[in-house]
Amino acid sequence: MFGATSLALAVSLSMDSFAAALGRGAVQKRPGVSEALRVGFAFGACQLSMASIGWAVGSAFSGFVQAVDHWIAFGLLLLIGGSMIRNALAGEGDDDAAATRSGWLALLTVAVATSIDASAVGVGLAMADVDIAVTASLIGAVTFLMGFGGVLLGRAAGPLLGRRAELIGGLGLLAIGTKILVEHTLL
């Protein structure tokens, strides 16, 4: 399962990370290449790790992982997105302190939340004939690129959106969490 199938899997798993990185780039005050690298690395490392962890857990716990992964992702994204919306509506996004509050903990929380589905995919990969090192590395690399690009695209969109960028970013995270929850509970 390498080639086009693995690449399609990697791109689809990275879409939530791309959307979150886009919002992050729009919210922050002029994020540079170093911030884009930081976000790309965090998202890529989490996707790679979660796919590997899911693979390691394998079919022994597949029912449990698939039963709760969507609730965990939804809860984390609800907390972060809700906080962003609250800050945007309170006008806290205009000061420099609010712009720098988005430290490693917030970044890792979003990165983990958008990577939880990769653990469920990893469980499925344990049942397929794949080289997990190659597949997980591809997932991580594609997610890194999507996160990196998302921040830079968000940076370009941020000045156009102004303070609404944080509101849009928060609503985007809520939408991602809701999408994950709906896909897993209705399908």
C-alpha atoms as a PDB file:
ATOM      1  CA  MET A   1       0.000   0.000   0.000  1.00  0.00           C
ATOM      2  CA  PHE A   2       2.560   2.562  -0.973  1.00  0.00           C
ATOM      3  CA  GLY A   3       2.340   5.131  -3.687  1.00  0.00           C
ATOM      4  CA  ALA A   4      -0.877   6.866  -4.635  1.00  0.00           C
ATOM      5  CA  THR A   5      -2.937   5.171  -1.922  1.00  0.00           C
ATOM      6  CA  SER A   6      -0.526   6.121   0.846  1.00  0.00           C
ATOM      7  CA  LEU A   7      -0.258   9.662  -0.462  1.00  0.00           C
ATOM      8  CA  ALA A   8      -4.052  10.009  -0.617  1.00  0.00           C
ATOM      9  CA  LEU A   9      -4.271   8.715   2.951  1.00  0.00           C
ATOM     10  CA  ALA A  10      -1.617  11.196   4.096  1.00  0.00           C
ATOM     11  CA  VAL A  11      -3.326  14.137   2.386  1.00  0.00           C
ATOM     12  CA  SER A  12      -6.739  13.262   3.778  1.00  0.00           C
ATOM     13  CA  LEU A  13      -5.368  12.882   7.311  1.00  0.00           C
ATOM     14  CA  SER A  14      -3.600  16.256   7.049  1.00  0.00           C
ATOM     15  CA  MET A  15      -6.660  18.289   6.023  1.00  0.00           C
ATOM     16  CA  ASP A  16      -7.797  19.012   9.593  1.00  0.00           C
ATOM     17  CA  SER A  17      -4.264  20.082  10.482  1.00  0.00           C
ATOM     18  CA  PHE A  18      -4.149  22.338   7.434  1.00  0.00           C
ATOM     19  CA  ALA A  19      -7.394  24.047   8.441  1.00  0.00           C
ATOM     20  CA  ALA A  20      -6.180  24.545  12.011  1.00  0.00           C
ATOM     21  CA  ALA A  21      -2.820  25.904  10.787  1.00  0.00           C
ATOM     22  CA  LEU A  22      -4.616  28.270   8.429  1.00  0.00           C
ATOM     23  CA  GLY A  23      -6.625  29.663  11.337  1.00  0.00           C
ATOM     24  CA  ARG A  24      -3.531  29.864  13.521  1.00  0.00           C
ATOM     25  CA  GLY A  25      -1.630  31.797  10.867  1.00  0.00           C
ATOM     26  CA  ALA A  26      -4.524  34.220  10.428  1.00  0.00           C
ATOM     27  CA  VAL A  27      -4.891  34.862  14.163  1.00  0.00           C
ATOM     28  CA  GLN A  28      -1.268  35.467  15.081  1.00  0.00           C
ATOM     29  CA  LYS A  29       0.392  38.787  14.511  1.00  0.00           C
ATOM     30  CA  ARG A  30       2.590  38.254  11.449  1.00  0.00           C
ATOM     31  CA  PRO A  31       3.798  34.701  12.029  1.00  0.00           C
ATOM     32  CA  GLY A  32       7.075  34.068  10.275  1.00  0.00           C
ATOM     33  CA  VAL A  33       8.748  31.054   8.766  1.00  0.00           C
ATOM     34  CA  SER A  34       9.915  29.933  12.222  1.00  0.00           C
ATOM     35  CA  GLU A  35       6.302  29.799  13.450  1.00  0.00           C
ATOM     36  CA  ALA A  36       5.250  27.957  10.293  1.00  0.00           C
ATOM     37  CA  LEU A  37       8.055  25.444  10.909  1.00  0.00           C
ATOM     38  CA  ARG A  38       6.998  25.065  14.551  1.00  0.00           C
ATOM     39  CA  VAL A  39       3.353  24.447  13.621  1.00  0.00           C
ATOM     40  CA  GLY A  40       4.285  22.132  10.759  1.00  0.00           C
ATOM     41  CA  PHE A  41       6.604  20.160  13.014  1.00  0.00           C
ATOM     42  CA  ALA A  42       4.032  19.848  15.819  1.00  0.00           C
ATOM     43  CA  PHE A  43       1.262  18.724  13.472  1.00  0.00           C
ATOM     44  CA  GLY A  44       3.524  16.410  11.467  1.00  0.00           C
ATOM     45  CA  ALA A  45       5.044  14.820  14.585  1.00  0.00           C
ATOM     46  CA  CYS A  46       1.613  14.256  16.132  1.00  0.00           C
ATOM     47  CA  GLN A  47       0.213  12.677  12.963  1.00  0.00           C
ATOM     48  CA  LEU A  48       3.263  10.423  12.622  1.00  0.00           C
ATOM     49  CA  SER A  49       3.129   9.479  16.313  1.00  0.00           C
ATOM     50  CA  MET A  50      -0.604   8.838  16.403  1.00  0.00           C
ATOM     51  CA  ALA A  51      -0.509   6.667  13.284  1.00  0.00           C
ATOM     52  CA  SER A  52       2.369   4.682  14.796  1.00  0.00           C
ATOM     53  CA  ILE A  53       0.674   4.376  18.183  1.00  0.00           C
ATOM     54  CA  GLY A  54      -2.541   3.229  16.508  1.00  0.00           C
ATOM     55  CA  TRP A  55      -0.611   0.660  14.524  1.00  0.00           C
ATOM     56  CA  ALA A  56       1.142  -0.551  17.695  1.00  0.00           C
ATOM     57  CA  VAL A  57      -2.135  -0.899  19.549  1.00  0.00           C
ATOM     58  CA  GLY A  58      -3.377  -2.861  16.552  1.00  0.00           C
ATOM     59  CA  SER A  59      -6.476  -4.903  16.390  1.00  0.00           C
ATOM     60  CA  ALA A  60      -6.404  -5.841  20.092  1.00  0.00           C
ATOM     61  CA  PHE A  61      -7.882  -2.495  21.058  1.00  0.00           C
ATOM     62  CA  SER A  62      -9.389  -1.370  17.765  1.00  0.00           C
ATOM     63  CA  GLY A  63     -12.953  -1.359  19.078  1.00  0.00           C
ATOM     64  CA  PHE A  64     -12.044   0.814  22.049  1.00  0.00           C
ATOM     65  CA  VAL A  65      -9.977   3.320  20.035  1.00  0.00           C
ATOM     66  CA  GLN A  66     -12.667   3.699  17.421  1.00  0.00           C
ATOM     67  CA  ALA A  67     -15.353   3.991  20.097  1.00  0.00           C
ATOM     68  CA  VAL A  68     -13.881   7.059  21.808  1.00  0.00           C
ATOM     69  CA  ASP A  69     -11.439   8.797  19.448  1.00  0.00           C
ATOM     70  CA  HIS A  70     -14.087  11.101  17.990  1.00  0.00           C
ATOM     71  CA  TRP A  71     -15.286  12.204  21.453  1.00  0.00           C
ATOM     72  CA  ILE A  72     -11.735  13.050  22.546  1.00  0.00           C
ATOM     73  CA  ALA A  73     -11.042  15.039  19.382  1.00  0.00           C
ATOM     74  CA  PHE A  74     -14.380  16.844  19.644  1.00  0.00           C
ATOM     75  CA  GLY A  75     -13.788  17.771  23.287  1.00  0.00           C
ATOM     76  CA  LEU A  76     -10.286  19.121  22.701  1.00  0.00           C
ATOM     77  CA  LEU A  77     -11.313  21.121  19.635  1.00  0.00           C
ATOM     78  CA  LEU A  78     -14.400  22.431  21.458  1.00  0.00           C
ATOM     79  CA  LEU A  79     -12.215  23.745  24.305  1.00  0.00           C
ATOM     80  CA  ILE A  80      -9.643  25.429  22.074  1.00  0.00           C
ATOM     81  CA  GLY A  81     -12.184  26.716  19.526  1.00  0.00           C
ATOM     82  CA  GLY A  82     -14.493  27.962  22.276  1.00  0.00           C
ATOM     83  CA  SER A  83     -11.627  29.838  23.886  1.00  0.00           C
ATOM     84  CA  MET A  84     -10.729  31.461  20.568  1.00  0.00           C
ATOM     85  CA  ILE A  85     -14.353  32.505  19.988  1.00  0.00           C
ATOM     86  CA  ARG A  86     -14.635  33.893  23.522  1.00  0.00           C
ATOM     87  CA  ASN A  87     -11.414  35.899  23.052  1.00  0.00           C
ATOM     88  CA  ALA A  88     -12.565  37.235  19.686  1.00  0.00           C
ATOM     89  CA  LEU A  89     -15.945  38.327  21.025  1.00  0.00           C
ATOM     90  CA  ALA A  90     -14.346  39.905  24.094  1.00  0.00           C
ATOM     91  CA  GLY A  91     -11.919  41.812  21.878  1.00  0.00           C
ATOM     92  CA  GLU A  92      -8.864  40.197  23.476  1.00  0.00           C
ATOM     93  CA  GLY A  93      -7.326  39.376  20.111  1.00  0.00           C
ATOM     94  CA  ASP A  94      -6.187  42.984  19.593  1.00  0.00           C
ATOM     95  CA  ASP A  95      -3.512  43.076  22.280  1.00  0.00           C
ATOM     96  CA  ASP A  96      -0.028  41.658  21.981  1.00  0.00           C
ATOM     97  CA  ALA A  97      -0.432  39.465  25.072  1.00  0.00           C
ATOM     98  CA  ALA A  98      -3.402  37.657  23.543  1.00  0.00           C
ATOM     99  CA  ALA A  99      -1.492  37.130  20.324  1.00  0.00           C
ATOM    100  CA  THR A 100       1.403  35.476  22.158  1.00  0.00           C
ATOM    101  CA  ARG A 101      -0.719  33.284  24.479  1.00  0.00           C
ATOM    102  CA  SER A 102      -0.798  30.638  21.841  1.00  0.00           C
ATOM    103  CA  GLY A 103       2.173  28.715  23.183  1.00  0.00           C
ATOM    104  CA  TRP A 104       3.326  25.127  22.896  1.00  0.00           C
ATOM    105  CA  LEU A 105       0.529  23.725  25.073  1.00  0.00           C
ATOM    106  CA  ALA A 106      -2.219  25.213  22.907  1.00  0.00           C
ATOM    107  CA  LEU A 107      -0.381  24.158  19.760  1.00  0.00           C
ATOM    108  CA  LEU A 108       0.106  20.596  20.981  1.00  0.00           C
ATOM    109  CA  THR A 109      -3.520  20.362  22.125  1.00  0.00           C
ATOM    110  CA  VAL A 110      -4.753  21.267  18.644  1.00  0.00           C
ATOM    111  CA  ALA A 111      -2.121  19.045  17.014  1.00  0.00           C
ATOM    112  CA  VAL A 112      -3.180  16.050  19.117  1.00  0.00           C
ATOM    113  CA  ALA A 113      -6.880  16.751  18.585  1.00  0.00           C
ATOM    114  CA  THR A 114      -6.496  16.907  14.818  1.00  0.00           C
ATOM    115  CA  SER A 115      -4.338  13.751  14.875  1.00  0.00           C
ATOM    116  CA  ILE A 116      -6.571  11.423  16.845  1.00  0.00           C
ATOM    117  CA  ASP A 117      -8.143  10.061  13.679  1.00  0.00           C
ATOM    118  CA  ALA A 118      -4.648   8.972  12.615  1.00  0.00           C
ATOM    119  CA  SER A 119      -4.577   6.570  15.572  1.00  0.00           C
ATOM    120  CA  ALA A 120      -7.727   4.874  14.321  1.00  0.00           C
ATOM    121  CA  VAL A 121      -6.225   4.721  10.831  1.00  0.00           C
ATOM    122  CA  GLY A 122      -3.087   3.241  12.397  1.00  0.00           C
ATOM    123  CA  VAL A 123      -5.189   0.471  13.925  1.00  0.00           C
ATOM    124  CA  GLY A 124      -6.526  -0.283  10.457  1.00  0.00           C
ATOM    125  CA  LEU A 125      -3.017  -0.229   9.030  1.00  0.00           C
ATOM    126  CA  ALA A 126      -2.031  -2.915  11.547  1.00  0.00           C
ATOM    127  CA  MET A 127      -4.455  -5.217   9.770  1.00  0.00           C
ATOM    128  CA  ALA A 128      -3.056  -4.383   6.327  1.00  0.00           C
ATOM    129  CA  ASP A 129       0.254  -5.335   4.829  1.00  0.00           C
ATOM    130  CA  VAL A 130       2.091  -2.012   5.186  1.00  0.00           C
ATOM    131  CA  ASP A 131       5.504  -0.828   6.215  1.00  0.00           C
ATOM    132  CA  ILE A 132       4.347   1.409   9.074  1.00  0.00           C
ATOM    133  CA  ALA A 133       7.654   3.296   9.238  1.00  0.00           C
ATOM    134  CA  VAL A 134       7.319   4.415   5.619  1.00  0.00           C
ATOM    135  CA  THR A 135       3.572   5.052   5.772  1.00  0.00           C
ATOM    136  CA  ALA A 136       3.666   6.953   9.080  1.00  0.00           C
ATOM    137  CA  SER A 137       6.663   8.977   7.865  1.00  0.00           C
ATOM    138  CA  LEU A 138       4.763   9.940   4.720  1.00  0.00           C
ATOM    139  CA  ILE A 139       1.741  10.940   6.827  1.00  0.00           C
ATOM    140  CA  GLY A 140       3.991  13.055   9.048  1.00  0.00           C
ATOM    141  CA  ALA A 141       5.828  14.681   6.136  1.00  0.00           C
ATOM    142  CA  VAL A 142       2.650  15.596   4.252  1.00  0.00           C
ATOM    143  CA  THR A 143       1.088  16.970   7.436  1.00  0.00           C
ATOM    144  CA  PHE A 144       4.238  19.002   8.131  1.00  0.00           C
ATOM    145  CA  LEU A 145       3.986  20.566   4.661  1.00  0.00           C
ATOM    146  CA  MET A 146       0.263  21.242   5.049  1.00  0.00           C
ATOM    147  CA  GLY A 147       0.756  22.822   8.483  1.00  0.00           C
ATOM    148  CA  PHE A 148       3.679  24.920   7.269  1.00  0.00           C
ATOM    149  CA  GLY A 149       1.748  26.115   4.227  1.00  0.00           C
ATOM    150  CA  GLY A 150      -1.410  26.691   6.241  1.00  0.00           C
ATOM    151  CA  VAL A 151       0.312  29.116   8.607  1.00  0.00           C
ATOM    152  CA  LEU A 152       1.812  31.080   5.713  1.00  0.00           C
ATOM    153  CA  LEU A 153      -1.509  31.217   3.861  1.00  0.00           C
ATOM    154  CA  GLY A 154      -3.221  32.232   7.085  1.00  0.00           C
ATOM    155  CA  ARG A 155      -0.669  34.986   7.541  1.00  0.00           C
ATOM    156  CA  ALA A 156      -1.674  36.409   4.171  1.00  0.00           C
ATOM    157  CA  ALA A 157      -5.367  36.178   5.035  1.00  0.00           C
ATOM    158  CA  GLY A 158      -4.999  37.537   8.584  1.00  0.00           C
ATOM    159  CA  PRO A 159      -4.656  41.242   7.737  1.00  0.00           C
ATOM    160  CA  LEU A 160      -7.685  41.006   5.467  1.00  0.00           C
ATOM    161  CA  LEU A 161      -9.770  39.465   8.239  1.00  0.00           C
ATOM    162  CA  GLY A 162      -8.492  41.502  11.179  1.00  0.00           C
ATOM    163  CA  ARG A 163      -9.928  40.543  14.561  1.00  0.00           C
ATOM    164  CA  ARG A 164     -12.472  38.289  12.861  1.00  0.00           C
ATOM    165  CA  ALA A 165      -9.617  35.861  12.098  1.00  0.00           C
ATOM    166  CA  GLU A 166      -9.704  34.494  15.655  1.00  0.00           C
ATOM    167  CA  LEU A 167     -13.488  34.109  15.496  1.00  0.00           C
ATOM    168  CA  ILE A 168     -13.226  32.338  12.132  1.00  0.00           C
ATOM    169  CA  GLY A 169     -10.379  30.160  13.443  1.00  0.00           C
ATOM    170  CA  GLY A 170     -12.407  29.188  16.514  1.00  0.00           C
ATOM    171  CA  LEU A 171     -15.475  28.432  14.426  1.00  0.00           C
ATOM    172  CA  GLY A 172     -13.248  26.402  12.103  1.00  0.00           C
ATOM    173  CA  LEU A 173     -11.978  24.275  15.000  1.00  0.00           C
ATOM    174  CA  LEU A 174     -15.563  23.743  16.202  1.00  0.00           C
ATOM    175  CA  ALA A 175     -16.535  22.727  12.669  1.00  0.00           C
ATOM    176  CA  ILE A 176     -13.621  20.272  12.465  1.00  0.00           C
ATOM    177  CA  GLY A 177     -14.579  18.748  15.826  1.00  0.00           C
ATOM    178  CA  THR A 178     -18.235  18.505  14.834  1.00  0.00           C
ATOM    179  CA  LYS A 179     -17.292  16.915  11.489  1.00  0.00           C
ATOM    180  CA  ILE A 180     -15.186  14.301  13.274  1.00  0.00           C
ATOM    181  CA  LEU A 181     -17.986  13.583  15.755  1.00  0.00           C
ATOM    182  CA  VAL A 182     -20.690  13.342  13.077  1.00  0.00           C
ATOM    183  CA  GLU A 183     -18.598  11.145  10.780  1.00  0.00           C
ATOM    184  CA  HIS A 184     -17.877   8.692  13.572  1.00  0.00           C
ATOM    185  CA  THR A 185     -21.329   8.599  15.150  1.00  0.00           C
ATOM    186  CA  LEU A 186     -23.421   8.487  11.984  1.00  0.00           C
ATOM    187  CA  LEU A 187     -21.226   6.308   9.804  1.00  0.00           C
END
